[in-house]
Each structure stands twice: as C-alpha cells, then as structure tokens.
C-alpha atoms as a PDB file:
ATOM      1  CA  MET A   1       0.000   0.000   0.000  1.00  0.00           C
ATOM      2  CA  SER A   2       1.317   3.474  -0.878  1.00  0.00           C
ATOM      3  CA  THR A   3       1.795   5.843   2.054  1.00  0.00           C
ATOM      4  CA  GLY A   4      -0.289   9.011   2.036  1.00  0.00           C
ATOM      5  CA  LEU A   5       0.350  12.285   3.861  1.00  0.00           C
ATOM      6  CA  TYR A   6      -1.970  13.124   6.753  1.00  0.00           C
ATOM      7  CA  PHE A   7      -1.878  16.718   8.003  1.00  0.00           C
ATOM      8  CA  SER A   8      -3.349  17.774  11.335  1.00  0.00           C
ATOM      9  CA  HIS A   9      -2.852  20.302  14.120  1.00  0.00           C
ATOM     10  CA  PRO A  10      -4.230  20.608  17.680  1.00  0.00           C
ATOM     11  CA  SER A  11      -5.604  24.092  16.959  1.00  0.00           C
ATOM     12  CA  SER A  12      -8.350  22.532  14.839  1.00  0.00           C
ATOM     13  CA  LEU A  13      -9.948  21.171  18.004  1.00  0.00           C
ATOM     14  CA  GLU A  14     -10.011  24.643  19.586  1.00  0.00           C
ATOM     15  CA  HIS A  15     -12.305  26.171  16.958  1.00  0.00           C
ATOM     16  CA  ASP A  16     -15.900  25.695  18.123  1.00  0.00           C
ATOM     17  CA  PRO A  17     -18.661  27.907  16.663  1.00  0.00           C
ATOM     18  CA  ARG A  18     -21.267  26.495  19.039  1.00  0.00           C
ATOM     19  CA  ALA A  19     -20.497  29.233  21.564  1.00  0.00           C
ATOM     20  CA  TYR A  20     -22.282  31.658  19.235  1.00  0.00           C
ATOM     21  CA  SER A  21     -24.369  29.213  17.229  1.00  0.00           C
ATOM     22  CA  PRO A  22     -25.780  26.423  19.438  1.00  0.00           C
ATOM     23  CA  GLY A  23     -26.397  23.249  17.475  1.00  0.00           C
ATOM     24  CA  HIS A  24     -23.858  24.175  14.785  1.00  0.00           C
ATOM     25  CA  PRO A  25     -22.824  20.996  12.913  1.00  0.00           C
ATOM     26  CA  ASP A  26     -19.139  21.945  12.492  1.00  0.00           C
ATOM     27  CA  THR A  27     -17.740  20.704  15.802  1.00  0.00           C
ATOM     28  CA  PRO A  28     -14.421  19.236  16.995  1.00  0.00           C
ATOM     29  CA  GLU A  29     -16.198  15.873  17.052  1.00  0.00           C
ATOM     30  CA  ARG A  30     -15.740  15.715  13.283  1.00  0.00           C
ATOM     31  CA  LEU A  31     -11.984  15.307  13.708  1.00  0.00           C
ATOM     32  CA  ARG A  32     -12.333  12.898  16.594  1.00  0.00           C
ATOM     33  CA  ALA A  33     -14.545  10.725  14.374  1.00  0.00           C
ATOM     34  CA  ILE A  34     -11.835  10.694  11.681  1.00  0.00           C
ATOM     35  CA  GLU A  35      -9.215   9.672  14.249  1.00  0.00           C
ATOM     36  CA  ARG A  36     -11.427   6.841  15.494  1.00  0.00           C
ATOM     37  CA  ALA A  37     -11.870   5.607  11.936  1.00  0.00           C
ATOM     38  CA  LEU A  38      -8.130   5.746  11.272  1.00  0.00           C
ATOM     39  CA  ALA A  39      -7.441   3.734  14.421  1.00  0.00           C
ATOM     40  CA  GLY A  40      -8.511   0.636  12.489  1.00  0.00           C
ATOM     41  CA  TRP A  41      -6.057   1.259   9.649  1.00  0.00           C
ATOM     42  CA  ASP A  42      -2.518   0.007   9.253  1.00  0.00           C
ATOM     43  CA  ASP A  43      -0.248   2.705  10.748  1.00  0.00           C
ATOM     44  CA  SER A  44       1.964   2.522   7.678  1.00  0.00           C
ATOM     45  CA  ALA A  45      -0.862   3.754   5.417  1.00  0.00           C
ATOM     46  CA  TRP A  46      -0.408   7.377   6.464  1.00  0.00           C
ATOM     47  CA  GLN A  47       2.598   9.522   7.274  1.00  0.00           C
ATOM     48  CA  ARG A  48       1.472  12.034   9.872  1.00  0.00           C
ATOM     49  CA  ARG A  49       2.698  15.629   9.577  1.00  0.00           C
ATOM     50  CA  GLU A  50       1.943  18.690  11.673  1.00  0.00           C
ATOM     51  CA  ALA A  51       0.312  21.418   9.627  1.00  0.00           C
ATOM     52  CA  PRO A  52       2.170  24.741   9.586  1.00  0.00           C
ATOM     53  CA  ALA A  53       0.333  28.038   9.840  1.00  0.00           C
ATOM     54  CA  ALA A  54      -0.136  29.887   6.575  1.00  0.00           C
ATOM     55  CA  ALA A  55       1.697  33.186   6.423  1.00  0.00           C
ATOM     56  CA  GLU A  56      -0.349  36.336   5.825  1.00  0.00           C
ATOM     57  CA  ALA A  57       1.245  36.550   2.375  1.00  0.00           C
ATOM     58  CA  GLU A  58      -0.225  33.139   1.548  1.00  0.00           C
ATOM     59  CA  LEU A  59      -3.688  34.068   2.840  1.00  0.00           C
ATOM     60  CA  GLU A  60      -3.529  37.243   0.753  1.00  0.00           C
ATOM     61  CA  LEU A  61      -2.968  35.252  -2.419  1.00  0.00           C
ATOM     62  CA  ILE A  62      -6.767  35.036  -2.464  1.00  0.00           C
ATOM     63  CA  HIS A  63      -8.083  37.263   0.309  1.00  0.00           C
ATOM     64  CA  SER A  64      -7.849  40.999   0.714  1.00  0.00           C
ATOM     65  CA  PRO A  65      -5.580  42.228   3.526  1.00  0.00           C
ATOM     66  CA  ARG A  66      -8.673  43.869   5.005  1.00  0.00           C
ATOM     67  CA  HIS A  67     -10.454  40.509   5.250  1.00  0.00           C
ATOM     68  CA  VAL A  68      -7.468  38.793   6.880  1.00  0.00           C
ATOM     69  CA  ARG A  69      -7.172  41.622   9.440  1.00  0.00           C
ATOM     70  CA  ALA A  70     -10.914  41.592  10.138  1.00  0.00           C
ATOM     71  CA  ILE A  71     -10.925  37.873  10.982  1.00  0.00           C
ATOM     72  CA  ALA A  72      -7.849  38.256  13.202  1.00  0.00           C
ATOM     73  CA  GLU A  73      -9.307  41.259  15.024  1.00  0.00           C
ATOM     74  CA  LEU A  74     -12.680  39.601  15.596  1.00  0.00           C
ATOM     75  CA  CYS A  75     -10.989  36.575  17.132  1.00  0.00           C
ATOM     76  CA  ARG A  76      -8.739  38.732  19.336  1.00  0.00           C
ATOM     77  CA  ALA A  77     -11.860  40.531  20.556  1.00  0.00           C
ATOM     78  CA  GLY A  78     -13.353  37.234  21.711  1.00  0.00           C
ATOM     79  CA  GLY A  79     -15.196  36.153  18.579  1.00  0.00           C
ATOM     80  CA  GLY A  80     -18.756  36.390  17.377  1.00  0.00           C
ATOM     81  CA  ALA A  81     -21.188  35.377  14.652  1.00  0.00           C
ATOM     82  CA  ILE A  82     -20.271  36.485  11.119  1.00  0.00           C
ATOM     83  CA  ASP A  83     -23.446  35.138   9.509  1.00  0.00           C
ATOM     84  CA  PRO A  84     -26.024  32.459  10.445  1.00  0.00           C
ATOM     85  CA  ASP A  85     -23.619  29.699   9.322  1.00  0.00           C
ATOM     86  CA  THR A  86     -20.255  31.110  10.339  1.00  0.00           C
ATOM     87  CA  ALA A  87     -18.999  32.024  13.806  1.00  0.00           C
ATOM     88  CA  VAL A  88     -15.584  32.353  15.417  1.00  0.00           C
ATOM     89  CA  GLY A  89     -14.071  32.250  18.879  1.00  0.00           C
ATOM     90  CA  PRO A  90     -10.748  33.425  20.308  1.00  0.00           C
ATOM     91  CA  ALA A  91      -8.867  30.429  18.870  1.00  0.00           C
ATOM     92  CA  SER A  92     -10.466  30.441  15.431  1.00  0.00           C
ATOM     93  CA  TYR A  93      -7.913  32.590  13.562  1.00  0.00           C
ATOM     94  CA  ARG A  94      -5.059  30.328  14.659  1.00  0.00           C
ATOM     95  CA  ALA A  95      -7.032  27.255  13.648  1.00  0.00           C
ATOM     96  CA  ALA A  96      -7.921  28.753  10.258  1.00  0.00           C
ATOM     97  CA  ALA A  97      -4.311  29.775   9.600  1.00  0.00           C
ATOM     98  CA  HIS A  98      -3.128  26.223  10.255  1.00  0.00           C
ATOM     99  CA  ALA A  99      -5.959  24.812   8.112  1.00  0.00           C
ATOM    100  CA  ALA A 100      -4.875  26.993   5.188  1.00  0.00           C
ATOM    101  CA  GLY A 101      -1.244  26.153   5.871  1.00  0.00           C
ATOM    102  CA  ALA A 102      -2.067  22.450   5.751  1.00  0.00           C
ATOM    103  CA  ALA A 103      -3.584  22.800   2.281  1.00  0.00           C
ATOM    104  CA  CYS A 104      -0.552  24.743   1.041  1.00  0.00           C
ATOM    105  CA  GLU A 105       2.003  22.380   2.551  1.00  0.00           C
ATOM    106  CA  MET A 106       0.179  19.308   1.260  1.00  0.00           C
ATOM    107  CA  THR A 107       0.115  20.842  -2.215  1.00  0.00           C
ATOM    108  CA  ARG A 108       3.845  21.564  -2.096  1.00  0.00           C
ATOM    109  CA  ALA A 109       4.627  18.057  -0.854  1.00  0.00           C
ATOM    110  CA  LEU A 110       2.512  16.364  -3.521  1.00  0.00           C
ATOM    111  CA  MET A 111       4.028  18.544  -6.249  1.00  0.00           C
ATOM    112  CA  ARG A 112       7.480  17.485  -5.007  1.00  0.00           C
ATOM    113  CA  GLY A 113       6.409  13.870  -5.436  1.00  0.00           C
ATOM    114  CA  GLU A 114       6.676  12.991  -1.746  1.00  0.00           C
ATOM    115  CA  ALA A 115       3.479  10.893  -1.796  1.00  0.00           C
ATOM    116  CA  PRO A 116       0.724   9.896  -4.202  1.00  0.00           C
ATOM    117  CA  VAL A 117      -2.103  11.265  -2.046  1.00  0.00           C
ATOM    118  CA  GLY A 118      -2.683  13.551   0.902  1.00  0.00           C
ATOM    119  CA  PHE A 119      -5.442  14.411   3.384  1.00  0.00           C
ATOM    120  CA  CYS A 120      -5.912  17.449   5.620  1.00  0.00           C
ATOM    121  CA  ALA A 121      -7.832  16.672   8.818  1.00  0.00           C
ATOM    122  CA  MET A 122      -8.331  20.332   9.660  1.00  0.00           C
ATOM    123  CA  ARG A 123     -10.959  22.804  10.808  1.00  0.00           C
ATOM    124  CA  PRO A 124     -12.479  25.217  10.020  1.00  0.00           C
ATOM    125  CA  SER A 125     -13.203  24.064   6.495  1.00  0.00           C
ATOM    126  CA  GLY A 126     -12.040  26.257   3.639  1.00  0.00           C
ATOM    127  CA  HIS A 127     -13.852  26.163   0.316  1.00  0.00           C
ATOM    128  CA  HIS A 128     -16.761  28.639   0.532  1.00  0.00           C
ATOM    129  CA  ALA A 129     -15.050  31.857   1.681  1.00  0.00           C
ATOM    130  CA  GLU A 130     -14.782  34.632  -0.870  1.00  0.00           C
ATOM    131  CA  ALA A 131     -11.967  37.159  -1.278  1.00  0.00           C
ATOM    132  CA  GLY A 132     -13.495  39.576   1.202  1.00  0.00           C
ATOM    133  CA  ARG A 133     -16.113  37.487   2.941  1.00  0.00           C
ATOM    134  CA  ALA A 134     -16.209  34.517   5.320  1.00  0.00           C
ATOM    135  CA  MET A 135     -19.175  32.221   4.714  1.00  0.00           C
ATOM    136  CA  GLY A 136     -20.426  28.638   4.845  1.00  0.00           C
ATOM    137  CA  PHE A 137     -18.368  27.691   7.947  1.00  0.00           C
ATOM    138  CA  CYS A 138     -15.209  28.933   6.151  1.00  0.00           C
ATOM    139  CA  LEU A 139     -12.987  31.840   7.236  1.00  0.00           C
ATOM    140  CA  PHE A 140     -10.447  31.437   4.425  1.00  0.00           C
ATOM    141  CA  ASN A 141     -10.621  29.587   1.122  1.00  0.00           C
ATOM    142  CA  ASN A 142      -7.899  27.004   1.678  1.00  0.00           C
ATOM    143  CA  VAL A 143      -8.580  25.219  -1.604  1.00  0.00           C
ATOM    144  CA  ALA A 144      -8.221  28.388  -3.668  1.00  0.00           C
ATOM    145  CA  ILE A 145      -5.069  29.444  -1.805  1.00  0.00           C
ATOM    146  CA  ALA A 146      -3.387  26.082  -2.387  1.00  0.00           C
ATOM    147  CA  ALA A 147      -4.433  26.120  -6.043  1.00  0.00           C
ATOM    148  CA  GLU A 148      -2.532  29.385  -6.564  1.00  0.00           C
ATOM    149  CA  LEU A 149       0.839  27.737  -5.930  1.00  0.00           C
ATOM    150  CA  ALA A 150       3.391  26.537  -8.473  1.00  0.00           C
ATOM    151  CA  ILE A 151       6.919  25.217  -7.842  1.00  0.00           C
ATOM    152  CA  SER A 152       9.846  25.505 -10.249  1.00  0.00           C
ATOM    153  CA  SER A 153      11.160  22.181 -11.527  1.00  0.00           C
ATOM    154  CA  ASP A 154      14.383  22.575  -9.527  1.00  0.00           C
ATOM    155  CA  GLY A 155      12.306  22.711  -6.335  1.00  0.00           C
ATOM    156  CA  LEU A 156      13.946  25.963  -5.222  1.00  0.00           C
ATOM    157  CA  PHE A 157      11.198  28.517  -5.825  1.00  0.00           C
ATOM    158  CA  LEU A 158       7.466  28.794  -5.305  1.00  0.00           C
ATOM    159  CA  TYR A 159       5.294  31.136  -7.389  1.00  0.00           C
ATOM    160  CA  ALA A 160       1.836  32.419  -6.547  1.00  0.00           C
ATOM    161  CA  SER A 161      -0.694  34.877  -7.935  1.00  0.00           C
ATOM    162  CA  ASN A 162      -2.388  37.466  -5.742  1.00  0.00           C
ATOM    163  CA  ARG A 163      -5.709  38.448  -7.273  1.00  0.00           C
ATOM    164  CA  GLY A 164      -6.427  40.941  -4.520  1.00  0.00           C
ATOM    165  CA  GLU A 165      -3.424  43.054  -5.573  1.00  0.00           C
ATOM    166  CA  ASP A 166      -3.057  41.950  -9.227  1.00  0.00           C
ATOM    167  CA  SER A 167       0.442  40.702  -8.564  1.00  0.00           C
ATOM    168  CA  LEU A 168       2.713  37.676  -8.733  1.00  0.00           C
ATOM    169  CA  VAL A 169       4.732  36.638  -5.689  1.00  0.00           C
ATOM    170  CA  VAL A 170       7.974  34.641  -5.552  1.00  0.00           C
ATOM    171  CA  PHE A 171       9.262  32.697  -2.533  1.00  0.00           C
ATOM    172  CA  SER A 172      12.440  30.677  -2.167  1.00  0.00           C
ATOM    173  CA  ILE A 173      12.103  27.234  -0.567  1.00  0.00           C
ATOM    174  CA  ARG A 174      14.709  26.571   2.114  1.00  0.00           C
ATOM    175  CA  SER A 175      16.299  23.191   1.479  1.00  0.00           C
ATOM    176  CA  LYS A 176      16.909  22.413   5.143  1.00  0.00           C
ATOM    177  CA  ASP A 177      13.293  22.663   6.314  1.00  0.00           C
ATOM    178  CA  GLY A 178      11.092  23.558   3.315  1.00  0.00           C
ATOM    179  CA  LYS A 179      10.064  26.911   4.798  1.00  0.00           C
ATOM    180  CA  LEU A 180       9.372  29.873   2.516  1.00  0.00           C
ATOM    181  CA  GLU A 181      11.336  33.115   2.283  1.00  0.00           C
ATOM    182  CA  PHE A 182       9.971  36.115   0.422  1.00  0.00           C
ATOM    183  CA  VAL A 183      11.852  37.008  -2.758  1.00  0.00           C
ATOM    184  CA  GLN A 184       9.690  39.301  -4.892  1.00  0.00           C
ATOM    185  CA  ARG A 185       6.273  40.797  -5.505  1.00  0.00           C
ATOM    186  CA  ILE A 186       5.675  42.085  -9.053  1.00  0.00           C
ATOM    187  CA  SER A 187       2.638  43.436 -10.901  1.00  0.00           C
ATOM    188  CA  CYS A 188       0.981  40.827 -13.109  1.00  0.00           C
ATOM    189  CA  GLY A 189       0.698  43.453 -15.838  1.00  0.00           C
ATOM    190  CA  GLY A 190      -3.068  43.063 -16.011  1.00  0.00           C
ATOM    191  CA  LYS A 191      -6.136  42.632 -13.835  1.00  0.00           C
ATOM    192  CA  THR A 192      -7.213  39.518 -11.914  1.00  0.00           C
ATOM    193  CA  PRO A 193      -4.425  36.974 -12.541  1.00  0.00           C
ATOM    194  CA  ARG A 194      -6.689  33.948 -12.880  1.00  0.00           C
ATOM    195  CA  HIS A 195      -4.034  31.345 -13.676  1.00  0.00           C
ATOM    196  CA  PHE A 196      -0.363  31.115 -14.554  1.00  0.00           C
ATOM    197  CA  THR A 197       2.139  28.477 -15.582  1.00  0.00           C
ATOM    198  CA  LEU A 198       5.877  27.974 -16.068  1.00  0.00           C
ATOM    199  CA  ASP A 199       7.054  26.764 -19.450  1.00  0.00           C
ATOM    200  CA  PRO A 200       8.915  23.397 -19.617  1.00  0.00           C
ATOM    201  CA  THR A 201      12.315  25.154 -19.534  1.00  0.00           C
ATOM    202  CA  THR A 202      11.152  27.267 -16.535  1.00  0.00           C
ATOM    203  CA  GLN A 203      12.648  30.332 -18.236  1.00  0.00           C
ATOM    204  CA  TRP A 204       9.235  31.877 -18.868  1.00  0.00           C
ATOM    205  CA  LEU A 205       6.054  32.410 -16.856  1.00  0.00           C
ATOM    206  CA  LEU A 206       2.736  33.044 -18.615  1.00  0.00           C
ATOM    207  CA  CYS A 207      -0.060  34.696 -16.646  1.00  0.00           C
ATOM    208  CA  GLY A 208      -3.712  34.767 -17.751  1.00  0.00           C
ATOM    209  CA  ASN A 209      -5.400  37.967 -16.543  1.00  0.00           C
ATOM    210  CA  GLN A 210      -9.147  37.409 -16.641  1.00  0.00           C
ATOM    211  CA  ASP A 211     -10.541  40.922 -16.232  1.00  0.00           C
ATOM    212  CA  SER A 212      -8.030  42.715 -18.469  1.00  0.00           C
ATOM    213  CA  ALA A 213      -8.379  40.022 -21.179  1.00  0.00           C
ATOM    214  CA  THR A 214      -4.624  39.576 -21.544  1.00  0.00           C
ATOM    215  CA  ILE A 215      -1.844  37.036 -21.180  1.00  0.00           C
ATOM    216  CA  THR A 216       1.357  38.581 -19.862  1.00  0.00           C
ATOM    217  CA  ILE A 217       4.733  36.922 -20.348  1.00  0.00           C
ATOM    218  CA  PHE A 218       7.605  37.197 -17.867  1.00  0.00           C
ATOM    219  CA  ARG A 219      11.216  36.082 -18.179  1.00  0.00           C
ATOM    220  CA  ARG A 220      12.377  34.080 -15.165  1.00  0.00           C
ATOM    221  CA  ASP A 221      15.889  34.284 -13.715  1.00  0.00           C
ATOM    222  CA  THR A 222      16.681  30.621 -13.033  1.00  0.00           C
ATOM    223  CA  VAL A 223      19.336  31.555 -10.428  1.00  0.00           C
ATOM    224  CA  THR A 224      17.457  34.096  -8.291  1.00  0.00           C
ATOM    225  CA  GLY A 225      13.943  32.965  -9.197  1.00  0.00           C
ATOM    226  CA  LYS A 226      12.910  36.569  -9.858  1.00  0.00           C
ATOM    227  CA  LEU A 227      10.561  37.551 -12.677  1.00  0.00           C
ATOM    228  CA  ASN A 228      11.299  40.306 -15.188  1.00  0.00           C
ATOM    229  CA  GLY A 229       8.632  41.965 -17.292  1.00  0.00           C
ATOM    230  CA  PRO A 230       6.126  41.605 -18.578  1.00  0.00           C
ATOM    231  CA  THR A 231       8.173  41.270 -21.743  1.00  0.00           C
ATOM    232  CA  GLN A 232       5.031  40.842 -23.849  1.00  0.00           C
ATOM    233  CA  THR A 233       1.285  41.295 -23.475  1.00  0.00           C
ATOM    234  CA  VAL A 234      -1.027  39.222 -25.662  1.00  0.00           C
ATOM    235  CA  PRO A 235      -4.757  40.078 -25.937  1.00  0.00           C
ATOM    236  CA  LEU A 236      -7.059  37.126 -25.255  1.00  0.00           C
ATOM    237  CA  ASP A 237     -10.679  37.257 -24.189  1.00  0.00           C
ATOM    238  CA  SER A 238     -11.038  36.425 -20.477  1.00  0.00           C
ATOM    239  CA  PRO A 239      -8.260  33.765 -20.125  1.00  0.00           C
ATOM    240  CA  LEU A 240      -9.014  31.320 -17.315  1.00  0.00           C
ATOM    241  CA  PHE A 241      -6.263  28.725 -17.737  1.00  0.00           C
ATOM    242  CA  THR A 242      -2.749  28.530 -19.220  1.00  0.00           C
ATOM    243  CA  LEU A 243      -1.093  25.252 -20.169  1.00  0.00           C
ATOM    244  CA  PHE A 244       1.883  24.060 -22.212  1.00  0.00           C
ATOM    245  CA  VAL A 245       1.210  20.856 -24.211  1.00  0.00           C
END
C-alpha cells in the first residue's frame, strides 16, 4: 500500500462555533470521528505531519488584507457570529491559519512527489469563503489558496498569484526545512491573474489575466527565481487557464 500524507494540528480542536451558534454541525467531534476511523487502519498507510500556519502573504494570495485583518481582530476581541452559518471564537484565527497552511504544505509536498495522495484533517473548512467574505463555515478559502501555488522544476522557488493586488509573488524554498522566504512581488501586468504556468524550460512564466483580457509573459531568472517583465502582453478574451502541451 502506498503511504499518504496526513496533516493535522491541535488548533483545529479549539475552533468551536457552538459558543455563538448552538447546534452548529461543524464541531471538533468531526476530527475525533476521523481519528477513530483511522485507528482501524494500518499505521503505515499514512505519514502524519503537523500542519504549519499559513503566512499572511499566503492568505492574501486570495483574500484581501482587510479581510485577513478583520478575521484576526474579531478573534482577538473574543469572537462572534459572522453570519447564520459562520462564527468564530478566540482560537479560530489560529485554527484557520493552520488549516490553510495544511492545504498549502500538502500541495507543495505532492508537487514534489513525496506521496501519491494527501489528506488534511483540519478545521475550520475552507472552500466557501470569498476574497473579502467569510461564509459557509469557512474563514479562508484554503482550496483556492493552495491552487494558486506553483513550484519551479528545480524545487527551489514557489510562485503564486495574488488576485487581490493583481500581482505575482515569488518565494524561495529553504532546502533544510522547506520553509518559505519572500523574494519578490511584481505586478501581473493586467487585472485579476486567474491562472499562470511555467514553461517546460522554466525560463518563462505566462499569466492569464481574466478581467483585463490579456496574457502577460515574464522572463524568469533561473538563479534568483525573480521575474522580469512583462516582456510581452497578448490580448485574449477572459483567459481562465494557461497550459503548455
């Protein structure tokens, strides 16, 4: 049996919206039920890893800085109900940061080929939240954040698009522990960078900007990882996806 990656963190058990929404279905019991189910599995089926907390720069790949600050401030103030489905307590920001970090770290690990499959046993969930709005139990959109990541083929640099600021962000990946270090933030040369990709030589990055109806092309420095450009802007109606075939 192939070994999968299993990400978890104790903070997920500390998020409990029932304090402000009695009877809320998203409870810590969800994770305890998963652990009970896994108790019957062969221990070698999953490699357990502690989920890191997502940095603010990672959260802001999708969310506006104002939204990230608002969630943090509400939790520091003791929490409260955001809408009928979504409530937070004092520990909820920390839990949500680790939940988003789990999705990002799992994505990086799978892209590095460290395992064929991964699972994040985290709370709160993260697939409904919008750029400036928490909703549907979700404070941040972990799925969207993780989907914005791309790693150079040499494994040294991570690239991400920030739709909230119409920019591309470059991080270096430390070889000793896999942690990220900020390298560069550069304008995407358009509006709403919906998707981007590195070419097979990794010398070029193509970014599809949905709302400006353009594809912008950047030259990549393979030593520093930095992007230069855009060197060219190509008109294309509402590009949603870029792919080399």
